[in-house]
Full PDB file with SEQRES, HELIX, SHEET, SSBOND, CRYST1, ORIGX, SCALE, CONECT and MASTER records, all heavy atoms in Angstrom:
SEQRES   1 A   37  LEU GLU ILE GLY LYS VAL CYS GLU GLU THR GLY ILE PRO          
SEQRES   2 A   37  GLU ASP MET ILE LYS ALA ALA LEU ASP GLU GLU GLU ARG          
SEQRES   3 A   37  ALA HIS ILE ASP ILE ASP GLY ASP TYR THR LEU                  
HELIX    1 AA1 GLU A    2  THR A   10  1                                   9    
HELIX    2 AA2 GLU A   14  ALA A   19  1                                   6    
SHEET    1 AA1 2 ILE A  31  ASP A  32  0                                        
SHEET    2 AA1 2 TYR A  35  THR A  36 -1                                        
CRYST1    1.000    1.000    1.000  90.00  90.00  90.00 P 1           1          
ORIGX1      1.000000  0.000000  0.000000        0.00000                         
ORIGX2      0.000000  1.000000  0.000000        0.00000                         
ORIGX3      0.000000  0.000000  1.000000        0.00000                         
SCALE1      1.000000  0.000000  0.000000        0.00000                         
SCALE2      0.000000  1.000000  0.000000        0.00000                         
SCALE3      0.000000  0.000000  1.000000        0.00000                         
ATOM      1  N   LEU A   1       0.824  -1.214  -0.015  1.00  0.00           N  
ATOM      2  CA  LEU A   1       0.009   0.018  -0.046  1.00  0.00           C  
ATOM      3  C   LEU A   1       0.858   1.240  -0.002  1.00  0.00           C  
ATOM      4  O   LEU A   1       0.647   2.203  -0.733  1.00  0.00           O  
ATOM      5  CB  LEU A   1      -0.960  -0.021   1.207  1.00  0.00           C  
ATOM      6  CG  LEU A   1      -1.927   1.137   1.251  1.00  0.00           C  
ATOM      7  CD1 LEU A   1      -2.922   1.126   0.076  1.00  0.00           C  
ATOM      8  CD2 LEU A   1      -2.730   1.059   2.612  1.00  0.00           C  
ATOM      9  N   GLU A   2       1.873   1.257   0.825  1.00  0.00           N  
ATOM     10  CA  GLU A   2       2.813   2.385   0.856  1.00  0.00           C  
ATOM     11  C   GLU A   2       3.528   2.568  -0.410  1.00  0.00           C  
ATOM     12  O   GLU A   2       3.779   3.742  -0.889  1.00  0.00           O  
ATOM     13  CB  GLU A   2       3.740   2.242   2.024  1.00  0.00           C  
ATOM     14  CG  GLU A   2       3.077   2.345   3.425  1.00  0.00           C  
ATOM     15  CD  GLU A   2       4.038   1.967   4.532  1.00  0.00           C  
ATOM     16  OE1 GLU A   2       4.954   1.210   4.305  1.00  0.00           O  
ATOM     17  OE2 GLU A   2       3.737   2.399   5.686  1.00  0.00           O  
ATOM     18  N   ILE A   3       4.017   1.496  -1.025  1.00  0.00           N  
ATOM     19  CA  ILE A   3       4.729   1.540  -2.323  1.00  0.00           C  
ATOM     20  C   ILE A   3       3.790   2.097  -3.419  1.00  0.00           C  
ATOM     21  O   ILE A   3       4.149   2.972  -4.196  1.00  0.00           O  
ATOM     22  CB  ILE A   3       5.269   0.127  -2.768  1.00  0.00           C  
ATOM     23  CG1 ILE A   3       6.294  -0.341  -1.785  1.00  0.00           C  
ATOM     24  CG2 ILE A   3       5.763   0.158  -4.150  1.00  0.00           C  
ATOM     25  CD1 ILE A   3       6.773  -1.751  -2.038  1.00  0.00           C  
ATOM     26  N   GLY A   4       2.567   1.651  -3.410  1.00  0.00           N  
ATOM     27  CA  GLY A   4       1.623   2.098  -4.402  1.00  0.00           C  
ATOM     28  C   GLY A   4       1.288   3.573  -4.185  1.00  0.00           C  
ATOM     29  O   GLY A   4       1.140   4.292  -5.211  1.00  0.00           O  
ATOM     30  N   LYS A   5       1.260   4.054  -2.961  1.00  0.00           N  
ATOM     31  CA  LYS A   5       0.978   5.500  -2.701  1.00  0.00           C  
ATOM     32  C   LYS A   5       2.106   6.343  -3.253  1.00  0.00           C  
ATOM     33  O   LYS A   5       1.836   7.404  -3.902  1.00  0.00           O  
ATOM     34  CB  LYS A   5       0.797   5.692  -1.208  1.00  0.00           C  
ATOM     35  CG  LYS A   5       0.580   7.191  -0.835  1.00  0.00           C  
ATOM     36  CD  LYS A   5       0.457   7.322   0.625  1.00  0.00           C  
ATOM     37  CE  LYS A   5       0.317   8.806   1.026  1.00  0.00           C  
ATOM     38  NZ  LYS A   5       0.216   9.061   2.507  1.00  0.00           N  
ATOM     39  N   VAL A   6       3.343   5.930  -2.990  1.00  0.00           N  
ATOM     40  CA  VAL A   6       4.475   6.664  -3.454  1.00  0.00           C  
ATOM     41  C   VAL A   6       4.567   6.724  -4.902  1.00  0.00           C  
ATOM     42  O   VAL A   6       4.831   7.770  -5.522  1.00  0.00           O  
ATOM     43  CB  VAL A   6       5.769   6.094  -2.808  1.00  0.00           C  
ATOM     44  CG1 VAL A   6       7.011   6.804  -3.416  1.00  0.00           C  
ATOM     45  CG2 VAL A   6       5.772   6.332  -1.297  1.00  0.00           C  
ATOM     46  N   CYS A   7       4.385   5.577  -5.553  1.00  0.00           N  
ATOM     47  CA  CYS A   7       4.500   5.530  -6.985  1.00  0.00           C  
ATOM     48  C   CYS A   7       3.362   6.373  -7.647  1.00  0.00           C  
ATOM     49  O   CYS A   7       3.598   6.997  -8.648  1.00  0.00           O  
ATOM     50  CB  CYS A   7       4.321   4.071  -7.439  1.00  0.00           C  
ATOM     51  SG  CYS A   7       5.692   2.969  -7.047  1.00  0.00           S  
ATOM     52  N   GLU A   8       2.207   6.360  -7.079  1.00  0.00           N  
ATOM     53  CA  GLU A   8       1.084   7.080  -7.629  1.00  0.00           C  
ATOM     54  C   GLU A   8       1.308   8.638  -7.564  1.00  0.00           C  
ATOM     55  O   GLU A   8       1.057   9.296  -8.441  1.00  0.00           O  
ATOM     56  CB  GLU A   8      -0.216   6.757  -7.008  1.00  0.00           C  
ATOM     57  CG  GLU A   8      -1.403   7.427  -7.522  1.00  0.00           C  
ATOM     58  CD  GLU A   8      -2.684   7.020  -6.748  1.00  0.00           C  
ATOM     59  OE1 GLU A   8      -2.680   6.095  -5.927  1.00  0.00           O  
ATOM     60  OE2 GLU A   8      -3.761   7.576  -7.084  1.00  0.00           O  
ATOM     61  N   GLU A   9       1.806   9.089  -6.404  1.00  0.00           N  
ATOM     62  CA  GLU A   9       1.997  10.487  -6.218  1.00  0.00           C  
ATOM     63  C   GLU A   9       3.224  11.063  -6.741  1.00  0.00           C  
ATOM     64  O   GLU A   9       3.311  12.294  -6.935  1.00  0.00           O  
ATOM     65  CB  GLU A   9       1.893  10.784  -4.691  1.00  0.00           C  
ATOM     66  CG  GLU A   9       0.543  10.417  -4.076  1.00  0.00           C  
ATOM     67  CD  GLU A   9       0.351  10.834  -2.650  1.00  0.00           C  
ATOM     68  OE1 GLU A   9       1.083  11.823  -2.274  1.00  0.00           O  
ATOM     69  OE2 GLU A   9      -0.446  10.292  -1.885  1.00  0.00           O  
ATOM     70  N   THR A  10       4.268  10.263  -6.949  1.00  0.00           N  
ATOM     71  CA  THR A  10       5.515  10.761  -7.437  1.00  0.00           C  
ATOM     72  C   THR A  10       5.890  10.385  -8.874  1.00  0.00           C  
ATOM     73  O   THR A  10       6.709  11.007  -9.478  1.00  0.00           O  
ATOM     74  CB  THR A  10       6.637  10.360  -6.501  1.00  0.00           C  
ATOM     75  OG1 THR A  10       6.798   8.910  -6.550  1.00  0.00           O  
ATOM     76  CG2 THR A  10       6.398  10.803  -5.118  1.00  0.00           C  
ATOM     77  N   GLY A  11       5.248   9.191  -9.276  1.00  0.00           N  
ATOM     78  CA  GLY A  11       5.610   8.685 -10.594  1.00  0.00           C  
ATOM     79  C   GLY A  11       6.861   7.882 -10.608  1.00  0.00           C  
ATOM     80  O   GLY A  11       7.393   7.541 -11.677  1.00  0.00           O  
ATOM     81  N   ILE A  12       7.453   7.559  -9.477  1.00  0.00           N  
ATOM     82  CA  ILE A  12       8.584   6.641  -9.360  1.00  0.00           C  
ATOM     83  C   ILE A  12       8.174   5.272  -9.813  1.00  0.00           C  
ATOM     84  O   ILE A  12       7.158   4.679  -9.360  1.00  0.00           O  
ATOM     85  CB  ILE A  12       9.119   6.613  -7.915  1.00  0.00           C  
ATOM     86  CG1 ILE A  12       9.573   7.978  -7.464  1.00  0.00           C  
ATOM     87  CG2 ILE A  12      10.269   5.570  -7.773  1.00  0.00           C  
ATOM     88  CD1 ILE A  12      10.063   8.047  -5.994  1.00  0.00           C  
ATOM     89  N   PRO A  13       8.931   4.667 -10.752  1.00  0.00           N  
ATOM     90  CA  PRO A  13       8.628   3.274 -11.189  1.00  0.00           C  
ATOM     91  C   PRO A  13       8.708   2.296  -9.982  1.00  0.00           C  
ATOM     92  O   PRO A  13       9.597   2.348  -9.155  1.00  0.00           O  
ATOM     93  CB  PRO A  13       9.754   2.990 -12.206  1.00  0.00           C  
ATOM     94  CG  PRO A  13      10.281   4.300 -12.663  1.00  0.00           C  
ATOM     95  CD  PRO A  13      10.093   5.241 -11.447  1.00  0.00           C  
ATOM     96  N   GLU A  14       7.737   1.395  -9.945  1.00  0.00           N  
ATOM     97  CA  GLU A  14       7.639   0.479  -8.860  1.00  0.00           C  
ATOM     98  C   GLU A  14       8.843  -0.460  -8.782  1.00  0.00           C  
ATOM     99  O   GLU A  14       9.295  -0.844  -7.720  1.00  0.00           O  
ATOM    100  CB  GLU A  14       6.353  -0.306  -8.984  1.00  0.00           C  
ATOM    101  CG  GLU A  14       6.116  -1.309  -7.852  1.00  0.00           C  
ATOM    102  CD  GLU A  14       4.758  -2.019  -7.981  1.00  0.00           C  
ATOM    103  OE1 GLU A  14       3.908  -1.541  -8.720  1.00  0.00           O  
ATOM    104  OE2 GLU A  14       4.637  -3.067  -7.308  1.00  0.00           O  
ATOM    105  N   ASP A  15       9.393  -0.725  -9.901  1.00  0.00           N  
ATOM    106  CA  ASP A  15      10.552  -1.627  -9.953  1.00  0.00           C  
ATOM    107  C   ASP A  15      11.762  -1.038  -9.255  1.00  0.00           C  
ATOM    108  O   ASP A  15      12.561  -1.721  -8.601  1.00  0.00           O  
ATOM    109  CB  ASP A  15      10.946  -1.976 -11.434  1.00  0.00           C  
ATOM    110  CG  ASP A  15       9.918  -2.841 -12.106  1.00  0.00           C  
ATOM    111  OD1 ASP A  15       9.080  -3.466 -11.381  1.00  0.00           O  
ATOM    112  OD2 ASP A  15       9.941  -2.944 -13.336  1.00  0.00           O  
ATOM    113  N   MET A  16      11.861   0.282  -9.308  1.00  0.00           N  
ATOM    114  CA  MET A  16      12.993   0.950  -8.692  1.00  0.00           C  
ATOM    115  C   MET A  16      12.929   0.841  -7.145  1.00  0.00           C  
ATOM    116  O   MET A  16      13.849   0.600  -6.402  1.00  0.00           O  
ATOM    117  CB  MET A  16      13.056   2.480  -9.076  1.00  0.00           C  
ATOM    118  CG  MET A  16      13.582   2.695 -10.403  1.00  0.00           C  
ATOM    119  SD  MET A  16      13.856   4.480 -10.732  1.00  0.00           S  
ATOM    120  CE  MET A  16      14.777   4.394 -12.246  1.00  0.00           C  
ATOM    121  N   ILE A  17      11.669   0.967  -6.610  1.00  0.00           N  
ATOM    122  CA  ILE A  17      11.473   0.869  -5.163  1.00  0.00           C  
ATOM    123  C   ILE A  17      11.701  -0.563  -4.692  1.00  0.00           C  
ATOM    124  O   ILE A  17      12.353  -0.826  -3.708  1.00  0.00           O  
ATOM    125  CB  ILE A  17       9.998   1.313  -4.771  1.00  0.00           C  
ATOM    126  CG1 ILE A  17       9.840   2.815  -5.098  1.00  0.00           C  
ATOM    127  CG2 ILE A  17       9.761   1.020  -3.360  1.00  0.00           C  
ATOM    128  CD1 ILE A  17       8.475   3.371  -4.778  1.00  0.00           C  
ATOM    129  N   LYS A  18      11.238  -1.503  -5.455  1.00  0.00           N  
ATOM    130  CA  LYS A  18      11.401  -2.925  -5.043  1.00  0.00           C  
ATOM    131  C   LYS A  18      12.804  -3.426  -5.295  1.00  0.00           C  
ATOM    132  O   LYS A  18      13.081  -4.594  -4.757  1.00  0.00           O  
ATOM    133  CB  LYS A  18      10.354  -3.752  -5.853  1.00  0.00           C  
ATOM    134  CG  LYS A  18       8.921  -3.496  -5.390  1.00  0.00           C  
ATOM    135  CD  LYS A  18       8.015  -4.521  -6.101  1.00  0.00           C  
ATOM    136  CE  LYS A  18       6.549  -4.290  -5.617  1.00  0.00           C  
ATOM    137  NZ  LYS A  18       5.611  -5.269  -6.227  1.00  0.00           N  
ATOM    138  N   ALA A  19      13.566  -2.714  -5.974  1.00  0.00           N  
ATOM    139  CA  ALA A  19      15.001  -3.135  -6.199  1.00  0.00           C  
ATOM    140  C   ALA A  19      15.751  -3.341  -4.865  1.00  0.00           C  
ATOM    141  O   ALA A  19      16.508  -4.230  -4.673  1.00  0.00           O  
ATOM    142  CB  ALA A  19      15.685  -2.226  -7.029  1.00  0.00           C  
ATOM    143  N   ALA A  20      15.519  -2.389  -3.945  1.00  0.00           N  
ATOM    144  CA  ALA A  20      16.225  -2.393  -2.690  1.00  0.00           C  
ATOM    145  C   ALA A  20      15.559  -3.373  -1.668  1.00  0.00           C  
ATOM    146  O   ALA A  20      16.122  -3.609  -0.581  1.00  0.00           O  
ATOM    147  CB  ALA A  20      16.186  -1.014  -2.056  1.00  0.00           C  
ATOM    148  N   LEU A  21      14.461  -3.892  -2.008  1.00  0.00           N  
ATOM    149  CA  LEU A  21      13.745  -4.826  -1.080  1.00  0.00           C  
ATOM    150  C   LEU A  21      14.204  -6.266  -1.313  1.00  0.00           C  
ATOM    151  O   LEU A  21      13.665  -7.193  -0.686  1.00  0.00           O  
ATOM    152  CB  LEU A  21      12.227  -4.746  -1.274  1.00  0.00           C  
ATOM    153  CG  LEU A  21      11.683  -3.280  -1.023  1.00  0.00           C  
ATOM    154  CD1 LEU A  21      10.177  -3.283  -1.222  1.00  0.00           C  
ATOM    155  CD2 LEU A  21      12.089  -2.771   0.360  1.00  0.00           C  
ATOM    156  N   ASP A  22      15.175  -6.444  -2.253  1.00  0.00           N  
ATOM    157  CA  ASP A  22      15.742  -7.833  -2.449  1.00  0.00           C  
ATOM    158  C   ASP A  22      17.089  -7.814  -1.769  1.00  0.00           C  
ATOM    159  O   ASP A  22      17.976  -7.029  -2.130  1.00  0.00           O  
ATOM    160  CB  ASP A  22      15.877  -8.019  -3.965  1.00  0.00           C  
ATOM    161  CG  ASP A  22      16.491  -9.387  -4.276  1.00  0.00           C  
ATOM    162  OD1 ASP A  22      16.699 -10.209  -3.328  1.00  0.00           O  
ATOM    163  OD2 ASP A  22      16.738  -9.677  -5.384  1.00  0.00           O  
ATOM    164  N   GLU A  23      17.307  -8.673  -0.744  1.00  0.00           N  
ATOM    165  CA  GLU A  23      18.527  -8.767  -0.075  1.00  0.00           C  
ATOM    166  C   GLU A  23      19.724  -9.078  -0.915  1.00  0.00           C  
ATOM    167  O   GLU A  23      20.875  -8.750  -0.571  1.00  0.00           O  
ATOM    168  CB  GLU A  23      18.440  -9.758   1.127  1.00  0.00           C  
ATOM    169  CG  GLU A  23      17.473  -9.382   2.204  1.00  0.00           C  
ATOM    170  CD  GLU A  23      17.499 -10.371   3.327  1.00  0.00           C  
ATOM    171  OE1 GLU A  23      18.288 -11.339   3.293  1.00  0.00           O  
ATOM    172  OE2 GLU A  23      16.726 -10.163   4.310  1.00  0.00           O  
ATOM    173  N   GLU A  24      19.444  -9.742  -1.996  1.00  0.00           N  
ATOM    174  CA  GLU A  24      20.575 -10.135  -2.933  1.00  0.00           C  
ATOM    175  C   GLU A  24      20.926  -9.116  -4.054  1.00  0.00           C  
ATOM    176  O   GLU A  24      21.723  -9.383  -4.874  1.00  0.00           O  
ATOM    177  CB  GLU A  24      20.229 -11.485  -3.593  1.00  0.00           C  
ATOM    178  CG  GLU A  24      19.895 -12.628  -2.634  1.00  0.00           C  
ATOM    179  CD  GLU A  24      21.060 -12.928  -1.692  1.00  0.00           C  
ATOM    180  OE1 GLU A  24      22.236 -12.819  -2.134  1.00  0.00           O  
ATOM    181  OE2 GLU A  24      20.744 -13.268  -0.553  1.00  0.00           O  
ATOM    182  N   GLU A  25      20.189  -7.956  -3.971  1.00  0.00           N  
ATOM    183  CA  GLU A  25      20.428  -6.925  -4.991  1.00  0.00           C  
ATOM    184  C   GLU A  25      21.812  -6.392  -4.902  1.00  0.00           C  
ATOM    185  O   GLU A  25      22.252  -6.008  -3.800  1.00  0.00           O  
ATOM    186  CB  GLU A  25      19.375  -5.838  -4.773  1.00  0.00           C  
ATOM    187  CG  GLU A  25      19.347  -4.785  -5.893  1.00  0.00           C  
ATOM    188  CD  GLU A  25      18.764  -5.336  -7.156  1.00  0.00           C  
ATOM    189  OE1 GLU A  25      18.036  -6.323  -7.179  1.00  0.00           O  
ATOM    190  OE2 GLU A  25      18.999  -4.689  -8.280  1.00  0.00           O  
ATOM    191  N   ARG A  26      22.487  -6.285  -5.961  1.00  0.00           N  
ATOM    192  CA  ARG A  26      23.843  -5.781  -6.028  1.00  0.00           C  
ATOM    193  C   ARG A  26      23.878  -4.317  -6.283  1.00  0.00           C  
ATOM    194  O   ARG A  26      22.913  -3.713  -6.798  1.00  0.00           O  
ATOM    195  CB  ARG A  26      24.665  -6.483  -7.101  1.00  0.00           C  
ATOM    196  CG  ARG A  26      24.862  -7.964  -6.919  1.00  0.00           C  
ATOM    197  CD  ARG A  26      25.762  -8.261  -5.753  1.00  0.00           C  
ATOM    198  NE  ARG A  26      27.048  -7.596  -5.855  1.00  0.00           N  
ATOM    199  CZ  ARG A  26      28.059  -8.110  -6.453  1.00  0.00           C  
ATOM    200  NH1 ARG A  26      27.983  -9.264  -6.980  1.00  0.00           N  
ATOM    201  NH2 ARG A  26      29.210  -7.424  -6.486  1.00  0.00           N  
ATOM    202  N   ALA A  27      24.944  -3.664  -5.853  1.00  0.00           N  
ATOM    203  CA  ALA A  27      25.065  -2.215  -6.023  1.00  0.00           C  
ATOM    204  C   ALA A  27      25.160  -1.863  -7.528  1.00  0.00           C  
ATOM    205  O   ALA A  27      25.936  -2.530  -8.246  1.00  0.00           O  
ATOM    206  CB  ALA A  27      26.299  -1.706  -5.309  1.00  0.00           C  
ATOM    207  N   HIS A  28      24.349  -0.965  -7.975  1.00  0.00           N  
ATOM    208  CA  HIS A  28      24.326  -0.552  -9.408  1.00  0.00           C  
ATOM    209  C   HIS A  28      23.636   0.756  -9.520  1.00  0.00           C  
ATOM    210  O   HIS A  28      23.067   1.351  -8.600  1.00  0.00           O  
ATOM    211  CB  HIS A  28      23.662  -1.650 -10.217  1.00  0.00           C  
ATOM    212  CG  HIS A  28      22.193  -1.774 -10.009  1.00  0.00           C  
ATOM    213  ND1 HIS A  28      21.664  -2.463  -8.945  1.00  0.00           N  
ATOM    214  CD2 HIS A  28      21.139  -1.343 -10.724  1.00  0.00           C  
ATOM    215  CE1 HIS A  28      20.356  -2.436  -8.971  1.00  0.00           C  
ATOM    216  NE2 HIS A  28      19.960  -1.721 -10.014  1.00  0.00           N  
ATOM    217  N   ILE A  29      23.585   1.258 -10.736  1.00  0.00           N  
ATOM    218  CA  ILE A  29      22.945   2.468 -11.098  1.00  0.00           C  
ATOM    219  C   ILE A  29      22.054   2.225 -12.290  1.00  0.00           C  
ATOM    220  O   ILE A  29      22.426   1.511 -13.280  1.00  0.00           O  
ATOM    221  CB  ILE A  29      23.907   3.631 -11.449  1.00  0.00           C  
ATOM    222  CG1 ILE A  29      24.761   3.926 -10.239  1.00  0.00           C  
ATOM    223  CG2 ILE A  29      23.165   4.872 -11.946  1.00  0.00           C  
ATOM    224  CD1 ILE A  29      25.873   4.954 -10.485  1.00  0.00           C  
ATOM    225  N   ASP A  30      20.831   2.758 -12.241  1.00  0.00           N  
ATOM    226  CA  ASP A  30      19.879   2.587 -13.339  1.00  0.00           C  
ATOM    227  C   ASP A  30      19.142   3.907 -13.549  1.00  0.00           C  
ATOM    228  O   ASP A  30      18.836   4.617 -12.624  1.00  0.00           O  
ATOM    229  CB  ASP A  30      18.870   1.483 -13.044  1.00  0.00           C  
ATOM    230  CG  ASP A  30      18.030   1.012 -14.201  1.00  0.00           C  
ATOM    231  OD1 ASP A  30      18.443   1.366 -15.328  1.00  0.00           O  
ATOM    232  OD2 ASP A  30      16.955   0.417 -13.997  1.00  0.00           O  
ATOM    233  N   ILE A  31      18.793   4.130 -14.803  1.00  0.00           N  
ATOM    234  CA  ILE A  31      18.074   5.378 -15.144  1.00  0.00           C  
ATOM    235  C   ILE A  31      16.785   4.954 -15.957  1.00  0.00           C  
ATOM    236  O   ILE A  31      16.864   4.200 -16.857  1.00  0.00           O  
ATOM    237  CB  ILE A  31      19.001   6.312 -16.029  1.00  0.00           C  
ATOM    238  CG1 ILE A  31      20.188   6.700 -15.286  1.00  0.00           C  
ATOM    239  CG2 ILE A  31      18.168   7.571 -16.486  1.00  0.00           C  
ATOM    240  CD1 ILE A  31      21.198   7.524 -16.096  1.00  0.00           C  
ATOM    241  N   ASP A  32      15.735   5.539 -15.475  1.00  0.00           N  
ATOM    242  CA  ASP A  32      14.427   5.285 -16.126  1.00  0.00           C  
ATOM    243  C   ASP A  32      13.652   6.556 -16.252  1.00  0.00           C  
ATOM    244  O   ASP A  32      13.092   7.115 -15.242  1.00  0.00           O  
ATOM    245  CB  ASP A  32      13.562   4.294 -15.347  1.00  0.00           C  
ATOM    246  CG  ASP A  32      12.258   3.870 -16.049  1.00  0.00           C  
ATOM    247  OD1 ASP A  32      12.021   4.439 -17.111  1.00  0.00           O  
ATOM    248  OD2 ASP A  32      11.631   2.939 -15.602  1.00  0.00           O  
ATOM    249  N   GLY A  33      13.652   7.198 -17.404  1.00  0.00           N  
ATOM    250  CA  GLY A  33      13.046   8.476 -17.667  1.00  0.00           C  
ATOM    251  C   GLY A  33      13.666   9.664 -16.788  1.00  0.00           C  
ATOM    252  O   GLY A  33      14.824   9.799 -16.935  1.00  0.00           O  
ATOM    253  N   ASP A  34      12.833  10.333 -15.986  1.00  0.00           N  
ATOM    254  CA  ASP A  34      13.355  11.338 -15.211  1.00  0.00           C  
ATOM    255  C   ASP A  34      13.972  10.882 -13.865  1.00  0.00           C  
ATOM    256  O   ASP A  34      14.643  11.739 -13.113  1.00  0.00           O  
ATOM    257  CB  ASP A  34      12.262  12.400 -14.874  1.00  0.00           C  
ATOM    258  CG  ASP A  34      11.721  13.047 -16.111  1.00  0.00           C  
ATOM    259  OD1 ASP A  34      12.484  13.186 -17.049  1.00  0.00           O  
ATOM    260  OD2 ASP A  34      10.519  13.380 -16.099  1.00  0.00           O  
ATOM    261  N   TYR A  35      13.856   9.631 -13.593  1.00  0.00           N  
ATOM    262  CA  TYR A  35      14.350   9.083 -12.302  1.00  0.00           C  
ATOM    263  C   TYR A  35      15.643   8.321 -12.447  1.00  0.00           C  
ATOM    264  O   TYR A  35      15.799   7.561 -13.388  1.00  0.00           O  
ATOM    265  CB  TYR A  35      13.264   8.212 -11.664  1.00  0.00           C  
ATOM    266  CG  TYR A  35      12.176   9.043 -11.060  1.00  0.00           C  
ATOM    267  CD1 TYR A  35      10.966   9.231 -11.806  1.00  0.00           C  
ATOM    268  CD2 TYR A  35      12.189   9.576  -9.847  1.00  0.00           C  
ATOM    269  CE1 TYR A  35       9.953   9.911 -11.292  1.00  0.00           C  
ATOM    270  CE2 TYR A  35      11.161  10.260  -9.252  1.00  0.00           C  
ATOM    271  CZ  TYR A  35      10.044  10.508 -10.051  1.00  0.00           C  
ATOM    272  OH  TYR A  35       8.950  11.238  -9.457  1.00  0.00           O  
ATOM    273  N   THR A  36      16.530   8.547 -11.459  1.00  0.00           N  
ATOM    274  CA  THR A  36      17.800   7.785 -11.441  1.00  0.00           C  
ATOM    275  C   THR A  36      17.800   6.949 -10.152  1.00  0.00           C  
ATOM    276  O   THR A  36      17.488   7.445  -9.093  1.00  0.00           O  
ATOM    277  CB  THR A  36      18.960   8.768 -11.455  1.00  0.00           C  
ATOM    278  OG1 THR A  36      18.896   9.555 -12.642  1.00  0.00           O  
ATOM    279  CG2 THR A  36      20.311   7.983 -11.356  1.00  0.00           C  
ATOM    280  N   LEU A  37      18.159   5.747 -10.354  1.00  0.00           N  
ATOM    281  CA  LEU A  37      18.307   4.805  -9.265  1.00  0.00           C  
ATOM    282  C   LEU A  37      19.720   4.437  -8.857  1.00  0.00           C  
ATOM    283  O   LEU A  37      20.490   4.076  -9.737  1.00  0.00           O  
ATOM    284  CB  LEU A  37      17.538   3.492  -9.471  1.00  0.00           C  
ATOM    285  CG  LEU A  37      17.711   2.320  -8.508  1.00  0.00           C  
ATOM    286  CD1 LEU A  37      17.140   2.610  -7.149  1.00  0.00           C  
ATOM    287  CD2 LEU A  37      17.226   1.028  -9.098  1.00  0.00           C  
TER     288      LEU A  37                                                      
MASTER        0    0    0    2    2    0    0    6  287    1    0    3          
END                                                                             
């Protein structure tokens, strides 16, 4: 619910938010439109 609220009000891609919710996610940089991860 919180992720959906942030995505809806800011336009942040949901995949960017969920990237940090994976303990095995490696350090990296990604760009999607106006947002940089």
